[in-house]
Amino acid sequence: GTPAAVIDTLAAATAKVLKDPAMQEQLSKL
């Protein structure tokens, strides 16, 4: 029931963080 606009904002923010080179490096280390 979460509004689609909230889902879209959450998805965009999550995608942005996951594409960050520092995050990619941390994920790679794990």
PDB file of all heavy atoms in Angstrom:
ATOM      1  N   GLY A   1       0.795  -1.223   0.000  1.00  0.00           N
ATOM      2  CA  GLY A   1       0.000   0.000   0.000  1.00  0.00           C
ATOM      3  C   GLY A   1       0.826   1.270   0.000  1.00  0.00           C
ATOM      4  O   GLY A   1       0.266   2.366  -0.022  1.00  0.00           O
ATOM      5  N   THR A   2       2.154   1.137   0.031  1.00  0.00           N
ATOM      6  CA  THR A   2       2.998   2.327  -0.048  1.00  0.00           C
ATOM      7  C   THR A   2       2.756   2.995  -1.392  1.00  0.00           C
ATOM      8  O   THR A   2       2.767   2.321  -2.425  1.00  0.00           O
ATOM      9  CB  THR A   2       4.486   1.951   0.114  1.00  0.00           C
ATOM     10  OG1 THR A   2       4.662   1.308   1.378  1.00  0.00           O
ATOM     11  CG2 THR A   2       5.375   3.168   0.024  1.00  0.00           C
ATOM     12  N   PRO A   3       2.557   4.304  -1.411  1.00  0.00           N
ATOM     13  CA  PRO A   3       2.300   4.997  -2.684  1.00  0.00           C
ATOM     14  C   PRO A   3       3.431   4.790  -3.694  1.00  0.00           C
ATOM     15  O   PRO A   3       4.612   4.724  -3.323  1.00  0.00           O
ATOM     16  CB  PRO A   3       2.205   6.469  -2.275  1.00  0.00           C
ATOM     17  CG  PRO A   3       1.825   6.447  -0.832  1.00  0.00           C
ATOM     18  CD  PRO A   3       2.486   5.210  -0.266  1.00  0.00           C
ATOM     19  N   ALA A   4       3.065   4.679  -4.957  1.00  0.00           N
ATOM     20  CA  ALA A   4       4.037   4.438  -6.028  1.00  0.00           C
ATOM     21  C   ALA A   4       5.130   5.496  -6.045  1.00  0.00           C
ATOM     22  O   ALA A   4       6.304   5.187  -6.301  1.00  0.00           O
ATOM     23  CB  ALA A   4       3.327   4.381  -7.379  1.00  0.00           C
ATOM     24  N   ALA A   5       4.777   6.745  -5.769  1.00  0.00           N
ATOM     25  CA  ALA A   5       5.786   7.814  -5.780  1.00  0.00           C
ATOM     26  C   ALA A   5       6.847   7.575  -4.704  1.00  0.00           C
ATOM     27  O   ALA A   5       8.038   7.834  -4.926  1.00  0.00           O
ATOM     28  CB  ALA A   5       5.114   9.170  -5.561  1.00  0.00           C
ATOM     29  N   VAL A   6       6.439   7.051  -3.560  1.00  0.00           N
ATOM     30  CA  VAL A   6       7.387   6.744  -2.489  1.00  0.00           C
ATOM     31  C   VAL A   6       8.272   5.576  -2.902  1.00  0.00           C
ATOM     32  O   VAL A   6       9.485   5.590  -2.691  1.00  0.00           O
ATOM     33  CB  VAL A   6       6.649   6.456  -1.165  1.00  0.00           C
ATOM     34  CG1 VAL A   6       7.614   5.986  -0.079  1.00  0.00           C
ATOM     35  CG2 VAL A   6       5.879   7.693  -0.712  1.00  0.00           C
ATOM     36  N   ILE A   7       7.672   4.560  -3.498  1.00  0.00           N
ATOM     37  CA  ILE A   7       8.437   3.397  -3.987  1.00  0.00           C
ATOM     38  C   ILE A   7       9.466   3.858  -5.016  1.00  0.00           C
ATOM     39  O   ILE A   7      10.632   3.450  -4.972  1.00  0.00           O
ATOM     40  CB  ILE A   7       7.504   2.333  -4.610  1.00  0.00           C
ATOM     41  CG1 ILE A   7       6.541   1.775  -3.565  1.00  0.00           C
ATOM     42  CG2 ILE A   7       8.303   1.224  -5.295  1.00  0.00           C
ATOM     43  CD1 ILE A   7       7.178   0.955  -2.485  1.00  0.00           C
ATOM     44  N   ASP A   8       9.049   4.710  -5.944  1.00  0.00           N
ATOM     45  CA  ASP A   8       9.965   5.209  -6.979  1.00  0.00           C
ATOM     46  C   ASP A   8      11.119   5.994  -6.373  1.00  0.00           C
ATOM     47  O   ASP A   8      12.271   5.846  -6.792  1.00  0.00           O
ATOM     48  CB  ASP A   8       9.207   6.067  -7.988  1.00  0.00           C
ATOM     49  CG  ASP A   8       8.238   5.268  -8.832  1.00  0.00           C
ATOM     50  OD1 ASP A   8       8.363   4.024  -8.894  1.00  0.00           O
ATOM     51  OD2 ASP A   8       7.332   5.885  -9.436  1.00  0.00           O
ATOM     52  N   THR A   9      10.827   6.828  -5.377  1.00  0.00           N
ATOM     53  CA  THR A   9      11.877   7.612  -4.712  1.00  0.00           C
ATOM     54  C   THR A   9      12.852   6.690  -3.989  1.00  0.00           C
ATOM     55  O   THR A   9      14.071   6.856  -4.089  1.00  0.00           O
ATOM     56  CB  THR A   9      11.253   8.614  -3.720  1.00  0.00           C
ATOM     57  OG1 THR A   9      10.406   9.503  -4.443  1.00  0.00           O
ATOM     58  CG2 THR A   9      12.316   9.409  -2.988  1.00  0.00           C
ATOM     59  N   LEU A  10      12.323   5.701  -3.276  1.00  0.00           N
ATOM     60  CA  LEU A  10      13.161   4.737  -2.565  1.00  0.00           C
ATOM     61  C   LEU A  10      14.022   3.941  -3.538  1.00  0.00           C
ATOM     62  O   LEU A  10      15.220   3.732  -3.306  1.00  0.00           O
ATOM     63  CB  LEU A  10      12.276   3.805  -1.736  1.00  0.00           C
ATOM     64  CG  LEU A  10      12.962   2.755  -0.876  1.00  0.00           C
ATOM     65  CD1 LEU A  10      13.903   3.388   0.129  1.00  0.00           C
ATOM     66  CD2 LEU A  10      11.915   1.911  -0.154  1.00  0.00           C
ATOM     67  N   ALA A  11      13.429   3.508  -4.643  1.00  0.00           N
ATOM     68  CA  ALA A  11      14.176   2.734  -5.643  1.00  0.00           C
ATOM     69  C   ALA A  11      15.284   3.570  -6.268  1.00  0.00           C
ATOM     70  O   ALA A  11      16.412   3.090  -6.453  1.00  0.00           O
ATOM     71  CB  ALA A  11      13.229   2.220  -6.724  1.00  0.00           C
ATOM     72  N   ALA A  12      14.998   4.828  -6.582  1.00  0.00           N
ATOM     73  CA  ALA A  12      16.008   5.699  -7.186  1.00  0.00           C
ATOM     74  C   ALA A  12      17.159   5.961  -6.215  1.00  0.00           C
ATOM     75  O   ALA A  12      18.336   5.933  -6.605  1.00  0.00           O
ATOM     76  CB  ALA A  12      15.366   7.014  -7.632  1.00  0.00           C
ATOM     77  N   ALA A  13      16.833   6.202  -4.944  1.00  0.00           N
ATOM     78  CA  ALA A  13      17.868   6.453  -3.949  1.00  0.00           C
ATOM     79  C   ALA A  13      18.732   5.210  -3.733  1.00  0.00           C
ATOM     80  O   ALA A  13      19.958   5.301  -3.629  1.00  0.00           O
ATOM     81  CB  ALA A  13      17.230   6.901  -2.637  1.00  0.00           C
ATOM     82  N   THR A  14      18.095   4.055  -3.685  1.00  0.00           N
ATOM     83  CA  THR A  14      18.831   2.798  -3.505  1.00  0.00           C
ATOM     84  C   THR A  14      19.751   2.539  -4.695  1.00  0.00           C
ATOM     85  O   THR A  14      20.921   2.180  -4.527  1.00  0.00           O
ATOM     86  CB  THR A  14      17.849   1.625  -3.312  1.00  0.00           C
ATOM     87  OG1 THR A  14      17.021   1.896  -2.182  1.00  0.00           O
ATOM     88  CG2 THR A  14      18.585   0.322  -3.099  1.00  0.00           C
ATOM     89  N   ALA A  15      19.236   2.734  -5.903  1.00  0.00           N
ATOM     90  CA  ALA A  15      20.046   2.527  -7.107  1.00  0.00           C
ATOM     91  C   ALA A  15      21.242   3.472  -7.128  1.00  0.00           C
ATOM     92  O   ALA A  15      22.353   3.073  -7.491  1.00  0.00           O
ATOM     93  CB  ALA A  15      19.191   2.728  -8.354  1.00  0.00           C
ATOM     94  N   LYS A  16      21.025   4.712  -6.729  1.00  0.00           N
ATOM     95  CA  LYS A  16      22.114   5.697  -6.706  1.00  0.00           C
ATOM     96  C   LYS A  16      23.221   5.259  -5.753  1.00  0.00           C
ATOM     97  O   LYS A  16      24.405   5.298  -6.090  1.00  0.00           O
ATOM     98  CB  LYS A  16      21.573   7.065  -6.298  1.00  0.00           C
ATOM     99  CG  LYS A  16      22.623   8.148  -6.289  1.00  0.00           C
ATOM    100  CD  LYS A  16      22.023   9.499  -5.924  1.00  0.00           C
ATOM    101  CE  LYS A  16      23.103  10.572  -5.893  1.00  0.00           C
ATOM    102  NZ  LYS A  16      22.552  11.878  -5.501  1.00  0.00           N
ATOM    103  N   VAL A  17      22.839   4.815  -4.564  1.00  0.00           N
ATOM    104  CA  VAL A  17      23.830   4.358  -3.583  1.00  0.00           C
ATOM    105  C   VAL A  17      24.578   3.142  -4.105  1.00  0.00           C
ATOM    106  O   VAL A  17      25.795   3.046  -3.989  1.00  0.00           O
ATOM    107  CB  VAL A  17      23.148   4.048  -2.225  1.00  0.00           C
ATOM    108  CG1 VAL A  17      24.092   3.315  -1.290  1.00  0.00           C
ATOM    109  CG2 VAL A  17      22.646   5.333  -1.585  1.00  0.00           C
ATOM    110  N   LEU A  18      23.861   2.200  -4.697  1.00  0.00           N
ATOM    111  CA  LEU A  18      24.501   0.967  -5.174  1.00  0.00           C
ATOM    112  C   LEU A  18      25.438   1.210  -6.352  1.00  0.00           C
ATOM    113  O   LEU A  18      26.358   0.427  -6.585  1.00  0.00           O
ATOM    114  CB  LEU A  18      23.440  -0.072  -5.540  1.00  0.00           C
ATOM    115  CG  LEU A  18      22.701  -0.668  -4.344  1.00  0.00           C
ATOM    116  CD1 LEU A  18      21.562  -1.555  -4.820  1.00  0.00           C
ATOM    117  CD2 LEU A  18      23.652  -1.438  -3.440  1.00  0.00           C
ATOM    118  N   LYS A  19      25.241   2.289  -7.097  1.00  0.00           N
ATOM    119  CA  LYS A  19      26.119   2.611  -8.227  1.00  0.00           C
ATOM    120  C   LYS A  19      27.341   3.418  -7.809  1.00  0.00           C
ATOM    121  O   LYS A  19      28.274   3.579  -8.586  1.00  0.00           O
ATOM    122  CB  LYS A  19      25.329   3.373  -9.297  1.00  0.00           C
ATOM    123  CG  LYS A  19      24.339   2.490 -10.005  1.00  0.00           C
ATOM    124  CD  LYS A  19      23.520   3.260 -11.020  1.00  0.00           C
ATOM    125  CE  LYS A  19      22.485   2.336 -11.647  1.00  0.00           C
ATOM    126  NZ  LYS A  19      21.500   3.031 -12.436  1.00  0.00           N
ATOM    127  N   ASP A  20      27.351   3.907  -6.586  1.00  0.00           N
ATOM    128  CA  ASP A  20      28.480   4.695  -6.093  1.00  0.00           C
ATOM    129  C   ASP A  20      29.738   3.824  -6.064  1.00  0.00           C
ATOM    130  O   ASP A  20      29.704   2.699  -5.552  1.00  0.00           O
ATOM    131  CB  ASP A  20      28.158   5.213  -4.688  1.00  0.00           C
ATOM    132  CG  ASP A  20      29.263   6.074  -4.138  1.00  0.00           C
ATOM    133  OD1 ASP A  20      30.209   5.508  -3.548  1.00  0.00           O
ATOM    134  OD2 ASP A  20      29.177   7.305  -4.304  1.00  0.00           O
ATOM    135  N   PRO A  21      30.844   4.331  -6.626  1.00  0.00           N
ATOM    136  CA  PRO A  21      32.079   3.528  -6.646  1.00  0.00           C
ATOM    137  C   PRO A  21      32.539   3.060  -5.263  1.00  0.00           C
ATOM    138  O   PRO A  21      33.028   1.938  -5.120  1.00  0.00           O
ATOM    139  CB  PRO A  21      33.101   4.473  -7.280  1.00  0.00           C
ATOM    140  CG  PRO A  21      32.280   5.398  -8.116  1.00  0.00           C
ATOM    141  CD  PRO A  21      31.002   5.586  -7.358  1.00  0.00           C
ATOM    142  N   ALA A  22      32.372   3.889  -4.235  1.00  0.00           N
ATOM    143  CA  ALA A  22      32.780   3.485  -2.886  1.00  0.00           C
ATOM    144  C   ALA A  22      31.921   2.307  -2.398  1.00  0.00           C
ATOM    145  O   ALA A  22      32.429   1.383  -1.764  1.00  0.00           O
ATOM    146  CB  ALA A  22      32.665   4.663  -1.926  1.00  0.00           C
ATOM    147  N   MET A  23      30.636   2.343  -2.716  1.00  0.00           N
ATOM    148  CA  MET A  23      29.756   1.228  -2.334  1.00  0.00           C
ATOM    149  C   MET A  23      30.131  -0.020  -3.118  1.00  0.00           C
ATOM    150  O   MET A  23      30.187  -1.121  -2.549  1.00  0.00           O
ATOM    151  CB  MET A  23      28.290   1.587  -2.573  1.00  0.00           C
ATOM    152  CG  MET A  23      27.331   0.435  -2.277  1.00  0.00           C
ATOM    153  SD  MET A  23      27.414  -0.199  -0.597  1.00  0.00           S
ATOM    154  CE  MET A  23      26.376   0.960   0.238  1.00  0.00           C
ATOM    155  N   GLN A  24      30.383   0.126  -4.400  1.00  0.00           N
ATOM    156  CA  GLN A  24      30.787  -1.019  -5.216  1.00  0.00           C
ATOM    157  C   GLN A  24      32.070  -1.650  -4.660  1.00  0.00           C
ATOM    158  O   GLN A  24      32.198  -2.871  -4.620  1.00  0.00           O
ATOM    159  CB  GLN A  24      30.992  -0.596  -6.676  1.00  0.00           C
ATOM    160  CG  GLN A  24      29.712  -0.282  -7.399  1.00  0.00           C
ATOM    161  CD  GLN A  24      28.862  -1.523  -7.617  1.00  0.00           C
ATOM    162  OE1 GLN A  24      29.361  -2.584  -7.942  1.00  0.00           O
ATOM    163  NE2 GLN A  24      27.564  -1.367  -7.423  1.00  0.00           N
ATOM    164  N   GLU A  25      32.996  -0.815  -4.212  1.00  0.00           N
ATOM    165  CA  GLU A  25      34.242  -1.325  -3.633  1.00  0.00           C
ATOM    166  C   GLU A  25      33.969  -2.108  -2.348  1.00  0.00           C
ATOM    167  O   GLU A  25      34.529  -3.179  -2.135  1.00  0.00           O
ATOM    168  CB  GLU A  25      35.207  -0.169  -3.349  1.00  0.00           C
ATOM    169  CG  GLU A  25      36.544  -0.636  -2.814  1.00  0.00           C
ATOM    170  CD  GLU A  25      37.510   0.515  -2.563  1.00  0.00           C
ATOM    171  OE1 GLU A  25      37.279   1.630  -3.062  1.00  0.00           O
ATOM    172  OE2 GLU A  25      38.502   0.273  -1.856  1.00  0.00           O
ATOM    173  N   GLN A  26      33.111  -1.554  -1.503  1.00  0.00           N
ATOM    174  CA  GLN A  26      32.771  -2.245  -0.260  1.00  0.00           C
ATOM    175  C   GLN A  26      32.084  -3.583  -0.542  1.00  0.00           C
ATOM    176  O   GLN A  26      32.383  -4.593   0.098  1.00  0.00           O
ATOM    177  CB  GLN A  26      31.882  -1.370   0.625  1.00  0.00           C
ATOM    178  CG  GLN A  26      32.597  -0.201   1.239  1.00  0.00           C
ATOM    179  CD  GLN A  26      33.734  -0.632   2.152  1.00  0.00           C
ATOM    180  OE1 GLN A  26      33.617  -1.588   2.910  1.00  0.00           O
ATOM    181  NE2 GLN A  26      34.845   0.071   2.070  1.00  0.00           N
ATOM    182  N   LEU A  27      31.154  -3.582  -1.486  1.00  0.00           N
ATOM    183  CA  LEU A  27      30.484  -4.830  -1.841  1.00  0.00           C
ATOM    184  C   LEU A  27      31.475  -5.851  -2.373  1.00  0.00           C
ATOM    185  O   LEU A  27      31.410  -7.037  -2.033  1.00  0.00           O
ATOM    186  CB  LEU A  27      29.379  -4.567  -2.874  1.00  0.00           C
ATOM    187  CG  LEU A  27      28.167  -3.781  -2.373  1.00  0.00           C
ATOM    188  CD1 LEU A  27      27.243  -3.441  -3.543  1.00  0.00           C
ATOM    189  CD2 LEU A  27      27.424  -4.539  -1.296  1.00  0.00           C
ATOM    190  N   SER A  28      32.398  -5.387  -3.191  1.00  0.00           N
ATOM    191  CA  SER A  28      33.411  -6.280  -3.758  1.00  0.00           C
ATOM    192  C   SER A  28      34.270  -6.913  -2.663  1.00  0.00           C
ATOM    193  O   SER A  28      34.585  -8.106  -2.723  1.00  0.00           O
ATOM    194  CB  SER A  28      34.292  -5.502  -4.739  1.00  0.00           C
ATOM    195  OG  SER A  28      35.277  -6.341  -5.281  1.00  0.00           O
ATOM    196  N   LYS A  29      34.630  -6.130  -1.671  1.00  0.00           N
ATOM    197  CA  LYS A  29      35.422  -6.657  -0.553  1.00  0.00           C
ATOM    198  C   LYS A  29      34.681  -7.763   0.188  1.00  0.00           C
ATOM    199  O   LYS A  29      35.308  -8.631   0.800  1.00  0.00           O
ATOM    200  CB  LYS A  29      35.774  -5.534   0.424  1.00  0.00           C
ATOM    201  CG  LYS A  29      36.825  -4.583  -0.088  1.00  0.00           C
ATOM    202  CD  LYS A  29      37.079  -3.481   0.935  1.00  0.00           C
ATOM    203  CE  LYS A  29      38.082  -2.469   0.407  1.00  0.00           C
ATOM    204  NZ  LYS A  29      38.302  -1.365   1.373  1.00  0.00           N
ATOM    205  N   LEU A  30      33.366  -7.705   0.142  1.00  0.00           N
ATOM    206  CA  LEU A  30      32.540  -8.713   0.807  1.00  0.00           C
ATOM    207  C   LEU A  30      32.116  -9.831  -0.147  1.00  0.00           C
ATOM    208  O   LEU A  30      31.272 -10.659   0.189  1.00  0.00           O
ATOM    209  CB  LEU A  30      31.293  -8.045   1.397  1.00  0.00           C
ATOM    210  CG  LEU A  30      31.552  -6.997   2.481  1.00  0.00           C
ATOM    211  CD1 LEU A  30      30.283  -6.224   2.791  1.00  0.00           C
ATOM    212  CD2 LEU A  30      32.118  -7.652   3.730  1.00  0.00           C
TER     213      LEU A  30
END
